[in-house]
Amino acid sequence: MEYLVTMTTHVPEGTSDEAVADVRAREAAHTRKLAAQGHVLRLWRPPLRPGEWRTLGLFAAADGGELERVLASMPLRVWRTDEVAPLGPHPNDPGAPRDRAGDRPSGTEYLTVFTVVIPDGVPGEVAEEARRGEARSTRQFGEQGHLIRLWALPSDQDVSHALGLWRAGDEAQLTRMLESLPLDPWMTVQTTSLTPHPSDPGVSILS
């Protein structure tokens, strides 16, 4: 199972620079080990305020218990709090990237959270046709290398949520792609731009 983990670190006041450097070095080494074991899949930096220390991570584990053991084993956990979002399979997920790097567009990676609410009164056949069109569009964006992954987030009967990982030249291009999706009239989107993390195990694969 895959999880999105928001990791926020607060270094105690008075901690020496040497101690911080030591923990960060051990964290990087341990992250490489966890990546080799298949637990750490991707790491990113979201937009940060001055002095803020936060990382987004895509992790894999058999269940929540194993994930907690993985997170607890990381040296920075002594100063860190973790927020975990379980990710479920999405029928429109392009899956793990397999194409050669030269076939993929360059640009920035973005995370999007989709919330879809189909209003009462929309005929069922209209909604179903929009979902079929959504599947066609996301498949095309996946083939173009713009949609990297798509996961289902916990949802209820009337509201569905999904998490997407995209690559685009800029936010304007991403917005045009998102607005072209057939479910756009019924969808709200939260977008987070991502910057590379020095310990990201996916750099050699996805760059």
Protein backbone atom coordinates (compact mmCIF):
# COMPACT_ATOMS: atom_id res chain seq x y z
CA MET A 1 0.00 0.00 0.00
CA GLU A 2 1.17 3.54 -0.70
CA TYR A 3 1.00 6.55 1.61
CA LEU A 4 1.61 10.28 1.31
CA VAL A 5 3.44 11.49 4.43
CA THR A 6 3.84 15.15 5.37
CA MET A 7 6.95 15.34 7.55
CA THR A 8 7.46 18.53 9.60
CA THR A 9 10.67 18.95 11.56
CA HIS A 10 11.20 21.30 14.51
CA VAL A 11 14.81 21.36 15.69
CA PRO A 12 14.94 22.19 19.43
CA GLU A 13 16.27 25.62 20.22
CA GLY A 14 19.92 25.53 21.20
CA THR A 15 20.75 22.44 19.14
CA SER A 16 24.25 22.84 17.70
CA ASP A 17 24.85 23.00 13.96
CA GLU A 18 27.10 19.96 14.32
CA ALA A 19 24.29 17.92 15.88
CA VAL A 20 21.86 18.97 13.14
CA ALA A 21 24.39 18.08 10.43
CA ASP A 22 25.00 14.67 12.03
CA VAL A 23 21.28 13.81 12.16
CA ARG A 24 20.74 15.01 8.59
CA ALA A 25 23.65 12.91 7.33
CA ARG A 26 22.30 9.82 9.09
CA GLU A 27 18.83 10.59 7.74
CA ALA A 28 20.13 10.73 4.16
CA ALA A 29 22.01 7.45 4.57
CA HIS A 30 19.01 5.71 6.14
CA THR A 31 16.68 7.09 3.45
CA ARG A 32 18.86 5.46 0.78
CA LYS A 33 18.55 2.17 2.65
CA LEU A 34 14.76 2.50 2.91
CA ALA A 35 14.58 3.35 -0.79
CA ALA A 36 16.57 0.23 -1.63
CA GLN A 37 14.07 -1.77 0.44
CA GLY A 38 11.19 -0.23 -1.53
CA HIS A 39 9.72 1.82 1.33
CA VAL A 40 10.69 5.35 0.23
CA LEU A 41 9.48 5.94 -3.32
CA ARG A 42 9.67 9.73 -3.71
CA LEU A 43 10.56 12.82 -1.66
CA TRP A 44 9.74 16.45 -2.42
CA ARG A 45 9.96 19.93 -0.93
CA PRO A 46 6.66 21.89 -0.94
CA PRO A 47 6.69 25.71 -0.79
CA LEU A 48 8.21 26.72 2.55
CA ARG A 49 8.09 29.82 4.73
CA PRO A 50 11.38 31.16 6.13
CA GLY A 51 12.70 28.75 8.74
CA GLU A 52 10.14 26.06 7.92
CA TRP A 53 11.42 22.51 7.47
CA ARG A 54 8.90 20.25 5.75
CA THR A 55 9.07 17.31 3.33
CA LEU A 56 6.44 15.38 1.41
CA GLY A 57 7.14 11.69 0.96
CA LEU A 58 5.59 8.85 -1.00
CA PHE A 59 6.05 5.65 1.01
CA ALA A 60 5.13 2.01 0.50
CA ALA A 61 4.36 -0.43 3.30
CA ALA A 62 2.25 -3.51 3.86
CA ASP A 63 0.01 -1.65 6.30
CA GLY A 64 -0.07 1.28 8.73
CA GLY A 65 1.87 -0.63 11.36
CA GLU A 66 4.77 -1.31 9.05
CA LEU A 67 4.71 2.30 7.84
CA GLU A 68 4.97 3.54 11.42
CA ARG A 69 7.97 1.28 12.03
CA VAL A 70 9.61 2.68 8.89
CA LEU A 71 8.96 6.29 9.90
CA ALA A 72 10.09 5.66 13.48
CA SER A 73 13.38 4.24 12.20
CA MET A 74 14.35 7.52 10.50
CA PRO A 75 16.87 9.61 12.50
CA LEU A 76 14.97 12.88 12.04
CA ARG A 77 11.90 11.38 13.73
CA VAL A 78 13.29 12.60 17.08
CA TRP A 79 12.42 16.16 15.95
CA ARG A 80 9.67 15.41 13.48
CA THR A 81 5.90 14.97 13.34
CA ASP A 82 4.31 12.98 10.51
CA GLU A 83 0.86 13.28 8.96
CA VAL A 84 -0.13 10.18 6.99
CA ALA A 85 -2.69 9.96 4.16
CA PRO A 86 -3.40 6.42 2.91
CA LEU A 87 -3.58 6.20 -0.89
CA GLY A 88 -5.82 3.74 -2.65
CA PRO A 89 -5.70 2.50 -6.26
CA HIS A 90 -7.38 4.74 -8.84
CA PRO A 91 -8.80 3.24 -12.06
CA ASN A 92 -7.20 6.05 -14.12
CA ASP A 93 -3.71 5.74 -12.59
CA PRO A 94 -1.06 5.56 -15.34
CA GLY A 95 1.06 3.41 -13.02
CA ALA A 96 4.80 3.54 -12.37
CA PRO A 97 6.66 5.46 -15.13
CA ARG A 98 8.21 3.09 -17.64
CA ASP A 99 9.07 5.33 -20.58
CA ARG A 100 12.56 6.55 -21.40
CA ALA A 101 13.44 9.92 -19.84
CA GLY A 102 13.79 11.51 -23.30
CA ASP A 103 10.11 10.78 -24.03
CA ARG A 104 8.85 12.76 -21.05
CA PRO A 105 8.28 16.53 -20.92
CA SER A 106 10.52 18.64 -18.75
CA GLY A 107 9.08 20.90 -16.08
CA THR A 108 7.95 21.12 -12.50
CA GLU A 109 6.13 18.42 -10.58
CA TYR A 110 2.85 19.25 -8.87
CA LEU A 111 0.53 17.47 -6.48
CA THR A 112 -3.18 18.04 -6.98
CA VAL A 113 -6.05 17.10 -4.69
CA PHE A 114 -9.30 16.70 -6.63
CA THR A 115 -12.67 16.93 -4.91
CA VAL A 116 -15.58 15.95 -7.16
CA VAL A 117 -19.18 16.64 -6.19
CA ILE A 118 -21.77 15.89 -8.85
CA PRO A 119 -24.83 18.07 -8.15
CA ASP A 120 -28.25 16.61 -7.51
CA GLY A 121 -30.28 16.57 -10.67
CA VAL A 122 -27.45 15.68 -13.04
CA PRO A 123 -28.69 12.70 -15.07
CA GLY A 124 -26.82 9.50 -14.39
CA GLU A 125 -25.91 9.02 -18.05
CA VAL A 126 -24.42 12.53 -18.18
CA ALA A 127 -22.27 11.87 -15.12
CA GLU A 128 -21.20 8.48 -16.48
CA GLU A 129 -20.20 9.95 -19.83
CA ALA A 130 -18.13 12.59 -18.01
CA ARG A 131 -16.36 9.84 -16.06
CA ARG A 132 -15.60 7.95 -19.28
CA GLY A 133 -14.27 11.16 -20.83
CA GLU A 134 -12.17 11.72 -17.70
CA ALA A 135 -10.62 8.29 -18.11
CA ARG A 136 -9.77 9.02 -21.74
CA SER A 137 -8.25 12.41 -20.90
CA THR A 138 -6.16 11.16 -17.99
CA ARG A 139 -4.93 8.25 -20.11
CA GLN A 140 -3.81 10.72 -22.77
CA PHE A 141 -2.05 12.93 -20.24
CA GLY A 142 -0.37 9.83 -18.84
CA GLU A 143 0.86 8.83 -22.29
CA GLN A 144 2.21 12.36 -22.79
CA GLY A 145 4.11 12.16 -19.48
CA HIS A 146 2.13 14.97 -17.83
CA LEU A 147 0.14 12.77 -15.44
CA ILE A 148 2.64 10.64 -13.54
CA ARG A 149 0.43 8.97 -10.92
CA LEU A 150 -3.16 9.12 -9.69
CA TRP A 151 -4.47 7.73 -6.39
CA ALA A 152 -7.82 7.54 -4.66
CA LEU A 153 -8.14 9.32 -1.32
CA PRO A 154 -10.69 8.35 1.34
CA SER A 155 -14.12 9.40 0.02
CA ASP A 156 -17.80 9.03 0.82
CA GLN A 157 -20.83 8.25 -1.29
CA ASP A 158 -21.49 11.80 -2.50
CA VAL A 159 -17.95 13.24 -2.64
CA SER A 160 -14.88 11.67 -4.23
CA HIS A 161 -11.28 12.73 -3.65
CA ALA A 162 -8.15 11.90 -5.62
CA LEU A 163 -4.47 12.79 -5.45
CA GLY A 164 -2.55 13.41 -8.67
CA LEU A 165 1.15 13.80 -9.42
CA TRP A 166 1.70 15.89 -12.55
CA ARG A 167 4.53 17.39 -14.55
CA ALA A 168 4.06 20.66 -16.45
CA GLY A 169 6.14 23.51 -17.80
CA ASP A 170 4.45 25.95 -15.42
CA GLU A 171 1.25 26.43 -13.44
CA ALA A 172 -0.51 27.98 -16.44
CA GLN A 173 0.03 24.82 -18.48
CA LEU A 174 -1.12 22.67 -15.58
CA THR A 175 -4.25 24.80 -15.17
CA ARG A 176 -5.11 24.43 -18.86
CA MET A 177 -4.80 20.65 -18.60
CA LEU A 178 -6.91 20.46 -15.46
CA GLU A 179 -9.60 22.73 -16.89
CA SER A 180 -9.82 20.48 -19.96
CA LEU A 181 -10.86 17.48 -17.85
CA PRO A 182 -14.51 16.49 -18.37
CA LEU A 183 -15.20 16.52 -14.61
CA ASP A 184 -13.85 20.07 -14.25
CA PRO A 185 -17.33 21.69 -13.89
CA TRP A 186 -17.92 19.63 -10.76
CA MET A 187 -14.37 19.58 -9.42
CA THR A 188 -12.33 21.74 -7.06
CA VAL A 189 -8.54 21.43 -7.12
CA GLN A 190 -5.82 22.20 -4.58
CA THR A 191 -2.39 22.43 -6.19
CA THR A 192 1.03 22.20 -4.53
CA SER A 193 4.16 22.93 -6.54
CA LEU A 194 7.08 20.65 -5.72
CA THR A 195 10.83 21.18 -5.78
CA PRO A 196 13.49 18.45 -5.75
CA HIS A 197 14.58 16.91 -2.46
CA PRO A 198 18.28 15.98 -2.22
CA SER A 199 17.39 12.47 -1.01
CA ASP A 200 14.63 11.81 -3.55
CA PRO A 201 15.15 8.23 -4.78
CA GLY A 202 13.11 8.93 -7.91
CA VAL A 203 15.42 11.53 -9.42
CA SER A 204 17.46 9.09 -11.47
CA ILE A 205 14.25 7.45 -12.71
CA LEU A 206 12.03 10.43 -13.41
CA SER A 207 14.35 13.25 -14.38
